[in-house]
Amino acid sequence: MNITPRQHEIVDRAKRGGFLNIEELAVLFGVTPQTIRRDINLLCDANLLRRRRGGAEYLEAPRVNLPYESRRIIHPAAKEAIGAHVAGLIPNGASVSFGIGTTPEFVALAMRGHEDLTVITNNLNVAMALSGQPSNRIVLPGGAVRLPDRDFLGPQVEAMYRDYRVDFGIFGVAGIEPDGTLLDFDRAEVLARQAMRESCRRSILVADVSKLGRPAPARGGRLEEADLLVLDAPPPPAFAALFAEEGIRSRLHIAQTGADGTGGAA
């Protein structure tokens, strides 16, 4: 499931202005109210908007994350660009750990042509993306699968990551504060992420720019602890001071959306 450019614009307008009126949106986009109503129904079903009489409004800063399938359709072009950029940094034969979330999954999807990988992950979506190459070795933790995210969390996940010393660790976050604090929605997510980062030779934090300033309740780790940060666009002005710091600026790569995947370092 993907959302259209018009539907992306509807969500962005809801973020900026709150309530959206169906009739006004129909005039703005030059389509019928029925078309806008279908757009809003889809976005509400994806938990991106909430229905209100005559229109819809943005769902503000939930204390729990959006469902996985809803997150997969948000900013797909940005995540594809990030995935292609990071895939170009990983050679065949590497050992790679992947964290949870949709952006690491997009990296794995971009790496489906890689061979002889050793993959350590608590993300079933990543495991499935890379399982089509028979030369790859995939290691998963035991325990119960967290649904609908299709991942594992808990002490066994942290122990799994610490049992390996891999070449690359690829992880995302729920949000990044202007002071560089990393955020997630669950303390177990933070602990798994930290165990993975501490057990790799080169850590790669992947995030589209919507994560900059996005709130989430569980904090742990800092931006400068990642060896490489891959964004899809330059950071907004509110983060200018943070990214001006030499220790962070030198680690920043911008994956150009719509480029050939090679990207470039900012």
C-alpha atoms as a PDB file:
ATOM      1  CA  MET A   1       0.000   0.000   0.000  1.00  0.00           C
ATOM      2  CA  ASN A   2       1.329   3.460  -0.991  1.00  0.00           C
ATOM      3  CA  ILE A   3      -0.180   6.895  -0.584  1.00  0.00           C
ATOM      4  CA  THR A   4      -0.306   9.401  -3.418  1.00  0.00           C
ATOM      5  CA  PRO A   5       1.388  12.821  -3.555  1.00  0.00           C
ATOM      6  CA  ARG A   6      -2.002  14.443  -2.943  1.00  0.00           C
ATOM      7  CA  GLN A   7      -2.534  12.299   0.148  1.00  0.00           C
ATOM      8  CA  HIS A   8       0.968  13.205   1.393  1.00  0.00           C
ATOM      9  CA  GLU A   9       0.059  16.873   0.971  1.00  0.00           C
ATOM     10  CA  ILE A  10      -3.189  16.347   2.893  1.00  0.00           C
ATOM     11  CA  VAL A  11      -1.266  14.855   5.833  1.00  0.00           C
ATOM     12  CA  ASP A  12       1.303  17.683   5.721  1.00  0.00           C
ATOM     13  CA  ARG A  13      -1.459  20.295   5.743  1.00  0.00           C
ATOM     14  CA  ALA A  14      -3.088  18.566   8.705  1.00  0.00           C
ATOM     15  CA  LYS A  15       0.238  18.676  10.597  1.00  0.00           C
ATOM     16  CA  ARG A  16       0.528  22.409   9.958  1.00  0.00           C
ATOM     17  CA  GLY A  17      -3.053  23.505  10.376  1.00  0.00           C
ATOM     18  CA  GLY A  18      -4.992  20.947  12.393  1.00  0.00           C
ATOM     19  CA  PHE A  19      -8.539  20.437  11.082  1.00  0.00           C
ATOM     20  CA  LEU A  20      -9.071  19.820   7.357  1.00  0.00           C
ATOM     21  CA  ASN A  21     -12.390  20.584   5.689  1.00  0.00           C
ATOM     22  CA  ILE A  22     -13.387  18.243   2.866  1.00  0.00           C
ATOM     23  CA  GLU A  23     -15.034  20.922   0.721  1.00  0.00           C
ATOM     24  CA  GLU A  24     -12.035  23.260   1.022  1.00  0.00           C
ATOM     25  CA  LEU A  25      -9.629  20.471   0.116  1.00  0.00           C
ATOM     26  CA  ALA A  26     -11.728  19.585  -2.927  1.00  0.00           C
ATOM     27  CA  VAL A  27     -11.470  23.177  -4.192  1.00  0.00           C
ATOM     28  CA  LEU A  28      -7.750  23.355  -3.390  1.00  0.00           C
ATOM     29  CA  PHE A  29      -6.886  20.176  -5.308  1.00  0.00           C
ATOM     30  CA  GLY A  30      -9.481  20.598  -8.052  1.00  0.00           C
ATOM     31  CA  VAL A  31     -11.196  17.257  -7.400  1.00  0.00           C
ATOM     32  CA  THR A  32     -14.602  16.194  -6.139  1.00  0.00           C
ATOM     33  CA  PRO A  33     -15.487  16.013  -2.429  1.00  0.00           C
ATOM     34  CA  GLN A  34     -16.012  12.269  -2.927  1.00  0.00           C
ATOM     35  CA  THR A  35     -12.369  11.914  -4.032  1.00  0.00           C
ATOM     36  CA  ILE A  36     -11.157  13.818  -0.965  1.00  0.00           C
ATOM     37  CA  ARG A  37     -13.432  11.731   1.253  1.00  0.00           C
ATOM     38  CA  ARG A  38     -11.847   8.553  -0.150  1.00  0.00           C
ATOM     39  CA  ASP A  39      -8.386  10.024   0.500  1.00  0.00           C
ATOM     40  CA  ILE A  40      -9.293  10.856   4.084  1.00  0.00           C
ATOM     41  CA  ASN A  41     -10.855   7.451   4.694  1.00  0.00           C
ATOM     42  CA  LEU A  42      -7.638   5.766   3.541  1.00  0.00           C
ATOM     43  CA  LEU A  43      -5.476   8.051   5.691  1.00  0.00           C
ATOM     44  CA  CYS A  44      -7.683   7.488   8.716  1.00  0.00           C
ATOM     45  CA  ASP A  45      -7.590   3.720   8.200  1.00  0.00           C
ATOM     46  CA  ALA A  46      -3.775   4.043   8.148  1.00  0.00           C
ATOM     47  CA  ASN A  47      -3.930   5.947  11.466  1.00  0.00           C
ATOM     48  CA  LEU A  48      -2.419   9.070   9.928  1.00  0.00           C
ATOM     49  CA  LEU A  49      -5.539  11.203  10.421  1.00  0.00           C
ATOM     50  CA  ARG A  50      -8.595  11.099  12.669  1.00  0.00           C
ATOM     51  CA  ARG A  51     -12.124  11.607  11.306  1.00  0.00           C
ATOM     52  CA  ARG A  52     -14.141  14.615  12.406  1.00  0.00           C
ATOM     53  CA  ARG A  53     -17.502  15.873  11.192  1.00  0.00           C
ATOM     54  CA  GLY A  54     -16.946  17.486   7.801  1.00  0.00           C
ATOM     55  CA  GLY A  55     -13.293  16.531   7.586  1.00  0.00           C
ATOM     56  CA  ALA A  56     -10.359  15.170   9.569  1.00  0.00           C
ATOM     57  CA  GLU A  57      -7.479  16.214  11.817  1.00  0.00           C
ATOM     58  CA  TYR A  58      -3.897  15.123  12.407  1.00  0.00           C
ATOM     59  CA  LEU A  59      -3.164  12.569  15.113  1.00  0.00           C
ATOM     60  CA  GLU A  60      -0.807  14.382  17.457  1.00  0.00           C
ATOM     61  CA  ALA A  61       2.278  12.748  19.012  1.00  0.00           C
ATOM     62  CA  PRO A  62       0.985   9.342  20.118  1.00  0.00           C
ATOM     63  CA  ARG A  63       2.541   7.687  23.137  1.00  0.00           C
ATOM     64  CA  VAL A  64       2.739   4.492  21.104  1.00  0.00           C
ATOM     65  CA  ASN A  65       4.004   4.228  17.553  1.00  0.00           C
ATOM     66  CA  LEU A  66       1.795   4.005  14.492  1.00  0.00           C
ATOM     67  CA  PRO A  67       1.094   0.492  13.182  1.00  0.00           C
ATOM     68  CA  TYR A  68       3.919  -0.897  11.046  1.00  0.00           C
ATOM     69  CA  GLU A  69       1.976  -0.913   7.785  1.00  0.00           C
ATOM     70  CA  SER A  70       0.973   2.714   8.354  1.00  0.00           C
ATOM     71  CA  ARG A  71       4.615   3.694   8.863  1.00  0.00           C
ATOM     72  CA  ARG A  72       5.714   1.853   5.712  1.00  0.00           C
ATOM     73  CA  ILE A  73       3.633   4.168   3.499  1.00  0.00           C
ATOM     74  CA  ILE A  74       4.962   7.388   5.053  1.00  0.00           C
ATOM     75  CA  HIS A  75       7.778   9.027   3.037  1.00  0.00           C
ATOM     76  CA  PRO A  76       8.533   5.900   0.942  1.00  0.00           C
ATOM     77  CA  ALA A  77      10.675   7.802  -1.599  1.00  0.00           C
ATOM     78  CA  ALA A  78      12.845   9.179   1.212  1.00  0.00           C
ATOM     79  CA  LYS A  79      13.296   5.727   2.713  1.00  0.00           C
ATOM     80  CA  GLU A  80      14.089   4.210  -0.684  1.00  0.00           C
ATOM     81  CA  ALA A  81      16.789   6.853  -1.231  1.00  0.00           C
ATOM     82  CA  ILE A  82      18.269   6.173   2.197  1.00  0.00           C
ATOM     83  CA  GLY A  83      18.142   2.437   1.550  1.00  0.00           C
ATOM     84  CA  ALA A  84      19.918   2.743  -1.798  1.00  0.00           C
ATOM     85  CA  HIS A  85      22.596   4.991  -0.332  1.00  0.00           C
ATOM     86  CA  VAL A  86      23.364   2.685   2.588  1.00  0.00           C
ATOM     87  CA  ALA A  87      23.283  -0.410   0.376  1.00  0.00           C
ATOM     88  CA  GLY A  88      26.072   1.171  -1.642  1.00  0.00           C
ATOM     89  CA  LEU A  89      28.230   1.334   1.490  1.00  0.00           C
ATOM     90  CA  ILE A  90      27.918  -2.373   2.369  1.00  0.00           C
ATOM     91  CA  PRO A  91      30.085  -4.858   0.436  1.00  0.00           C
ATOM     92  CA  ASN A  92      29.275  -8.468  -0.318  1.00  0.00           C
ATOM     93  CA  GLY A  93      30.493 -10.777   2.415  1.00  0.00           C
ATOM     94  CA  ALA A  94      29.931  -8.265   5.210  1.00  0.00           C
ATOM     95  CA  SER A  95      28.396  -9.003   8.595  1.00  0.00           C
ATOM     96  CA  VAL A  96      25.504  -6.630   9.303  1.00  0.00           C
ATOM     97  CA  SER A  97      23.103  -6.142  12.193  1.00  0.00           C
ATOM     98  CA  PHE A  98      19.736  -4.503  11.570  1.00  0.00           C
ATOM     99  CA  GLY A  99      17.376  -2.920  14.070  1.00  0.00           C
ATOM    100  CA  ILE A 100      13.608  -2.631  14.031  1.00  0.00           C
ATOM    101  CA  GLY A 101      11.556  -0.174  12.020  1.00  0.00           C
ATOM    102  CA  THR A 102      10.666   0.578   8.440  1.00  0.00           C
ATOM    103  CA  THR A 103      13.807   2.467   7.379  1.00  0.00           C
ATOM    104  CA  PRO A 104      16.154  -0.446   8.213  1.00  0.00           C
ATOM    105  CA  GLU A 105      13.739  -2.643   6.259  1.00  0.00           C
ATOM    106  CA  PHE A 106      14.095  -0.328   3.239  1.00  0.00           C
ATOM    107  CA  VAL A 107      17.883  -0.688   3.542  1.00  0.00           C
ATOM    108  CA  ALA A 108      17.499  -4.475   3.550  1.00  0.00           C
ATOM    109  CA  LEU A 109      15.229  -4.317   0.505  1.00  0.00           C
ATOM    110  CA  ALA A 110      17.912  -2.324  -1.317  1.00  0.00           C
ATOM    111  CA  MET A 111      20.466  -5.010  -0.389  1.00  0.00           C
ATOM    112  CA  ARG A 112      18.573  -7.982  -1.832  1.00  0.00           C
ATOM    113  CA  GLY A 113      21.260  -8.395  -4.489  1.00  0.00           C
ATOM    114  CA  HIS A 114      24.060  -8.683  -1.909  1.00  0.00           C
ATOM    115  CA  GLU A 115      25.672 -12.081  -1.390  1.00  0.00           C
ATOM    116  CA  ASP A 116      27.421 -13.913   1.456  1.00  0.00           C
ATOM    117  CA  LEU A 117      26.029 -11.639   4.143  1.00  0.00           C
ATOM    118  CA  THR A 118      25.847 -12.578   7.809  1.00  0.00           C
ATOM    119  CA  VAL A 119      22.726 -10.819   9.070  1.00  0.00           C
ATOM    120  CA  ILE A 120      21.958 -10.393  12.779  1.00  0.00           C
ATOM    121  CA  THR A 121      18.511  -8.920  13.358  1.00  0.00           C
ATOM    122  CA  ASN A 122      15.436  -8.775  15.557  1.00  0.00           C
ATOM    123  CA  ASN A 123      13.397  -7.555  12.574  1.00  0.00           C
ATOM    124  CA  LEU A 124      11.516 -10.285  10.696  1.00  0.00           C
ATOM    125  CA  ASN A 125      10.816  -7.873   7.836  1.00  0.00           C
ATOM    126  CA  VAL A 126      14.577  -7.525   7.314  1.00  0.00           C
ATOM    127  CA  ALA A 127      15.087 -11.284   7.556  1.00  0.00           C
ATOM    128  CA  MET A 128      12.451 -11.923   4.899  1.00  0.00           C
ATOM    129  CA  ALA A 129      13.861  -9.221   2.610  1.00  0.00           C
ATOM    130  CA  LEU A 130      17.320 -10.828   2.644  1.00  0.00           C
ATOM    131  CA  SER A 131      16.270 -14.481   2.755  1.00  0.00           C
ATOM    132  CA  GLY A 132      15.953 -14.801  -1.020  1.00  0.00           C
ATOM    133  CA  GLN A 133      19.729 -14.979  -1.442  1.00  0.00           C
ATOM    134  CA  PRO A 134      20.781 -18.528  -0.465  1.00  0.00           C
ATOM    135  CA  SER A 135      24.369 -17.496   0.301  1.00  0.00           C
ATOM    136  CA  ASN A 136      23.225 -15.231   3.130  1.00  0.00           C
ATOM    137  CA  ARG A 137      23.208 -16.407   6.743  1.00  0.00           C
ATOM    138  CA  ILE A 138      20.469 -14.907   8.928  1.00  0.00           C
ATOM    139  CA  VAL A 139      20.454 -15.031  12.741  1.00  0.00           C
ATOM    140  CA  LEU A 140      17.288 -14.252  14.735  1.00  0.00           C
ATOM    141  CA  PRO A 141      16.660 -14.248  18.498  1.00  0.00           C
ATOM    142  CA  GLY A 142      14.213 -16.569  20.209  1.00  0.00           C
ATOM    143  CA  GLY A 143      11.050 -15.489  21.963  1.00  0.00           C
ATOM    144  CA  ALA A 144       7.622 -14.238  21.014  1.00  0.00           C
ATOM    145  CA  VAL A 145       7.154 -12.137  17.892  1.00  0.00           C
ATOM    146  CA  ARG A 146       5.770  -8.673  18.574  1.00  0.00           C
ATOM    147  CA  LEU A 147       2.791  -8.157  16.295  1.00  0.00           C
ATOM    148  CA  PRO A 148       1.908  -6.408  14.068  1.00  0.00           C
ATOM    149  CA  ASP A 149       5.494  -5.044  13.886  1.00  0.00           C
ATOM    150  CA  ARG A 150       6.960  -8.519  13.228  1.00  0.00           C
ATOM    151  CA  ASP A 151       9.993  -8.054  15.457  1.00  0.00           C
ATOM    152  CA  PHE A 152      11.486  -9.309  18.731  1.00  0.00           C
ATOM    153  CA  LEU A 153      12.285  -7.366  21.897  1.00  0.00           C
ATOM    154  CA  GLY A 154      13.618  -8.347  25.301  1.00  0.00           C
ATOM    155  CA  PRO A 155      16.802  -9.519  27.048  1.00  0.00           C
ATOM    156  CA  GLN A 156      17.355 -12.300  24.493  1.00  0.00           C
ATOM    157  CA  VAL A 157      17.615  -9.655  21.757  1.00  0.00           C
ATOM    158  CA  GLU A 158      20.230  -7.653  23.647  1.00  0.00           C
ATOM    159  CA  ALA A 159      22.176 -10.876  24.351  1.00  0.00           C
ATOM    160  CA  MET A 160      22.045 -11.860  20.674  1.00  0.00           C
ATOM    161  CA  TYR A 161      23.553  -8.572  19.537  1.00  0.00           C
ATOM    162  CA  ARG A 162      26.284  -8.736  22.193  1.00  0.00           C
ATOM    163  CA  ASP A 163      27.210 -12.278  21.115  1.00  0.00           C
ATOM    164  CA  TYR A 164      28.424 -10.930  17.742  1.00  0.00           C
ATOM    165  CA  ARG A 165      30.921  -8.335  16.549  1.00  0.00           C
ATOM    166  CA  VAL A 166      29.689  -7.275  13.121  1.00  0.00           C
ATOM    167  CA  ASP A 167      31.079  -4.956  10.469  1.00  0.00           C
ATOM    168  CA  PHE A 168      28.021  -2.695  10.258  1.00  0.00           C
ATOM    169  CA  GLY A 169      25.040  -1.931  12.479  1.00  0.00           C
ATOM    170  CA  ILE A 170      22.035  -0.260  10.813  1.00  0.00           C
ATOM    171  CA  PHE A 171      19.347   1.236  13.033  1.00  0.00           C
ATOM    172  CA  GLY A 172      16.593   3.826  13.072  1.00  0.00           C
ATOM    173  CA  VAL A 173      14.927   5.808  15.831  1.00  0.00           C
ATOM    174  CA  ALA A 174      11.458   7.183  16.540  1.00  0.00           C
ATOM    175  CA  GLY A 175      12.728  10.732  16.937  1.00  0.00           C
ATOM    176  CA  ILE A 176      15.725  13.001  17.419  1.00  0.00           C
ATOM    177  CA  GLU A 177      15.613  16.016  19.735  1.00  0.00           C
ATOM    178  CA  PRO A 178      17.360  19.323  18.857  1.00  0.00           C
ATOM    179  CA  ASP A 179      20.035  18.579  21.471  1.00  0.00           C
ATOM    180  CA  GLY A 180      20.860  15.235  19.789  1.00  0.00           C
ATOM    181  CA  THR A 181      19.012  12.923  22.181  1.00  0.00           C
ATOM    182  CA  LEU A 182      17.655   9.792  20.472  1.00  0.00           C
ATOM    183  CA  LEU A 183      14.087   8.712  21.200  1.00  0.00           C
ATOM    184  CA  ASP A 184      11.976   5.573  20.853  1.00  0.00           C
ATOM    185  CA  PHE A 185       8.519   4.516  21.994  1.00  0.00           C
ATOM    186  CA  ASP A 186       9.556   1.708  24.344  1.00  0.00           C
ATOM    187  CA  ARG A 187      12.456   1.211  26.749  1.00  0.00           C
ATOM    188  CA  ALA A 188      13.036  -2.268  25.299  1.00  0.00           C
ATOM    189  CA  GLU A 189      13.515  -0.687  21.865  1.00  0.00           C
ATOM    190  CA  VAL A 190      16.178   1.618  23.306  1.00  0.00           C
ATOM    191  CA  LEU A 191      18.033  -1.246  25.009  1.00  0.00           C
ATOM    192  CA  ALA A 192      18.057  -3.363  21.849  1.00  0.00           C
ATOM    193  CA  ARG A 193      19.293  -0.430  19.769  1.00  0.00           C
ATOM    194  CA  GLN A 194      22.084   0.360  22.209  1.00  0.00           C
ATOM    195  CA  ALA A 195      23.217  -3.278  22.389  1.00  0.00           C
ATOM    196  CA  MET A 196      23.375  -3.416  18.600  1.00  0.00           C
ATOM    197  CA  ARG A 197      25.284  -0.136  18.278  1.00  0.00           C
ATOM    198  CA  GLU A 198      27.833  -1.166  20.894  1.00  0.00           C
ATOM    199  CA  SER A 199      28.478  -4.483  19.099  1.00  0.00           C
ATOM    200  CA  CYS A 200      29.378  -3.264  15.613  1.00  0.00           C
ATOM    201  CA  ARG A 201      32.506  -1.782  14.082  1.00  0.00           C
ATOM    202  CA  ARG A 202      30.604   0.943  12.232  1.00  0.00           C
ATOM    203  CA  SER A 203      27.130   2.109  13.261  1.00  0.00           C
ATOM    204  CA  ILE A 204      24.792   3.729  10.726  1.00  0.00           C
ATOM    205  CA  LEU A 205      21.752   5.679  11.901  1.00  0.00           C
ATOM    206  CA  VAL A 206      19.119   5.984   9.149  1.00  0.00           C
ATOM    207  CA  ALA A 207      16.294   8.525   9.423  1.00  0.00           C
ATOM    208  CA  ASP A 208      14.183  10.651   7.143  1.00  0.00           C
ATOM    209  CA  VAL A 209      14.031  14.298   8.217  1.00  0.00           C
ATOM    210  CA  SER A 210      10.518  13.920   9.671  1.00  0.00           C
ATOM    211  CA  LYS A 211      12.229  12.185  12.621  1.00  0.00           C
ATOM    212  CA  LEU A 212      14.008  15.451  13.509  1.00  0.00           C
ATOM    213  CA  GLY A 213      11.927  16.926  16.313  1.00  0.00           C
ATOM    214  CA  ARG A 214       9.436  14.058  16.437  1.00  0.00           C
ATOM    215  CA  PRO A 215       8.527  13.304  20.075  1.00  0.00           C
ATOM    216  CA  ALA A 216       8.595   9.862  21.679  1.00  0.00           C
ATOM    217  CA  PRO A 217       8.704   8.956  25.388  1.00  0.00           C
ATOM    218  CA  ALA A 218      11.741   6.653  25.776  1.00  0.00           C
ATOM    219  CA  ARG A 219      15.155   8.288  25.557  1.00  0.00           C
ATOM    220  CA  GLY A 220      18.551   6.666  25.163  1.00  0.00           C
ATOM    221  CA  GLY A 221      21.721   7.421  23.241  1.00  0.00           C
ATOM    222  CA  ARG A 222      22.905  10.484  21.375  1.00  0.00           C
ATOM    223  CA  LEU A 223      23.284  11.422  17.743  1.00  0.00           C
ATOM    224  CA  GLU A 224      27.058  11.811  17.921  1.00  0.00           C
ATOM    225  CA  GLU A 225      27.424   8.172  19.023  1.00  0.00           C
ATOM    226  CA  ALA A 226      26.559   6.970  15.507  1.00  0.00           C
ATOM    227  CA  ASP A 227      29.537   6.640  13.173  1.00  0.00           C
ATOM    228  CA  LEU A 228      27.406   7.674  10.197  1.00  0.00           C
ATOM    229  CA  LEU A 229      24.046   9.414   9.886  1.00  0.00           C
ATOM    230  CA  VAL A 230      22.089   9.093   6.628  1.00  0.00           C
ATOM    231  CA  LEU A 231      19.201  11.516   6.026  1.00  0.00           C
ATOM    232  CA  ASP A 232      17.120  12.063   2.908  1.00  0.00           C
ATOM    233  CA  ALA A 233      17.437  15.874   2.961  1.00  0.00           C
ATOM    234  CA  PRO A 234      19.362  18.618   4.792  1.00  0.00           C
ATOM    235  CA  PRO A 235      18.220  19.138   8.396  1.00  0.00           C
ATOM    236  CA  PRO A 236      15.754  21.982   9.109  1.00  0.00           C
ATOM    237  CA  PRO A 237      16.856  25.310  10.647  1.00  0.00           C
ATOM    238  CA  ALA A 238      15.901  24.230  14.171  1.00  0.00           C
ATOM    239  CA  PHE A 239      18.682  21.641  13.960  1.00  0.00           C
ATOM    240  CA  ALA A 240      21.309  23.913  12.381  1.00  0.00           C
ATOM    241  CA  ALA A 241      23.334  24.296  15.576  1.00  0.00           C
ATOM    242  CA  LEU A 242      23.350  20.559  16.242  1.00  0.00           C
ATOM    243  CA  PHE A 243      24.525  19.640  12.744  1.00  0.00           C
ATOM    244  CA  ALA A 244      27.099  22.449  12.749  1.00  0.00           C
ATOM    245  CA  GLU A 245      29.055  20.564  15.403  1.00  0.00           C
ATOM    246  CA  GLU A 246      32.136  19.062  13.773  1.00  0.00           C
ATOM    247  CA  GLY A 247      31.611  15.644  15.338  1.00  0.00           C
ATOM    248  CA  ILE A 248      28.187  15.398  13.708  1.00  0.00           C
ATOM    249  CA  ARG A 249      28.667  17.396  10.483  1.00  0.00           C
ATOM    250  CA  SER A 250      31.526  15.178   9.365  1.00  0.00           C
ATOM    251  CA  ARG A 251      29.395  12.051   9.771  1.00  0.00           C
ATOM    252  CA  LEU A 252      26.343  13.271   7.859  1.00  0.00           C
ATOM    253  CA  HIS A 253      25.377  11.821   4.463  1.00  0.00           C
ATOM    254  CA  ILE A 254      22.429  13.113   2.434  1.00  0.00           C
ATOM    255  CA  ALA A 255      20.748  10.471   0.256  1.00  0.00           C
ATOM    256  CA  GLN A 256      19.213  12.418  -2.593  1.00  0.00           C
ATOM    257  CA  THR A 257      15.640  11.336  -3.294  1.00  0.00           C
ATOM    258  CA  GLY A 258      15.289  10.173  -6.875  1.00  0.00           C
ATOM    259  CA  ALA A 259      19.049   9.929  -7.416  1.00  0.00           C
ATOM    260  CA  ASP A 260      20.837   6.801  -8.569  1.00  0.00           C
ATOM    261  CA  GLY A 261      21.416   5.650  -4.995  1.00  0.00           C
ATOM    262  CA  THR A 262      25.033   6.709  -4.684  1.00  0.00           C
ATOM    263  CA  GLY A 263      24.084   9.814  -2.695  1.00  0.00           C
ATOM    264  CA  GLY A 264      26.732  12.014  -1.236  1.00  0.00           C
ATOM    265  CA  ALA A 265      28.188  13.300   1.984  1.00  0.00           C
ATOM    266  CA  ALA A 266      27.107  16.700   3.224  1.00  0.00           C
END
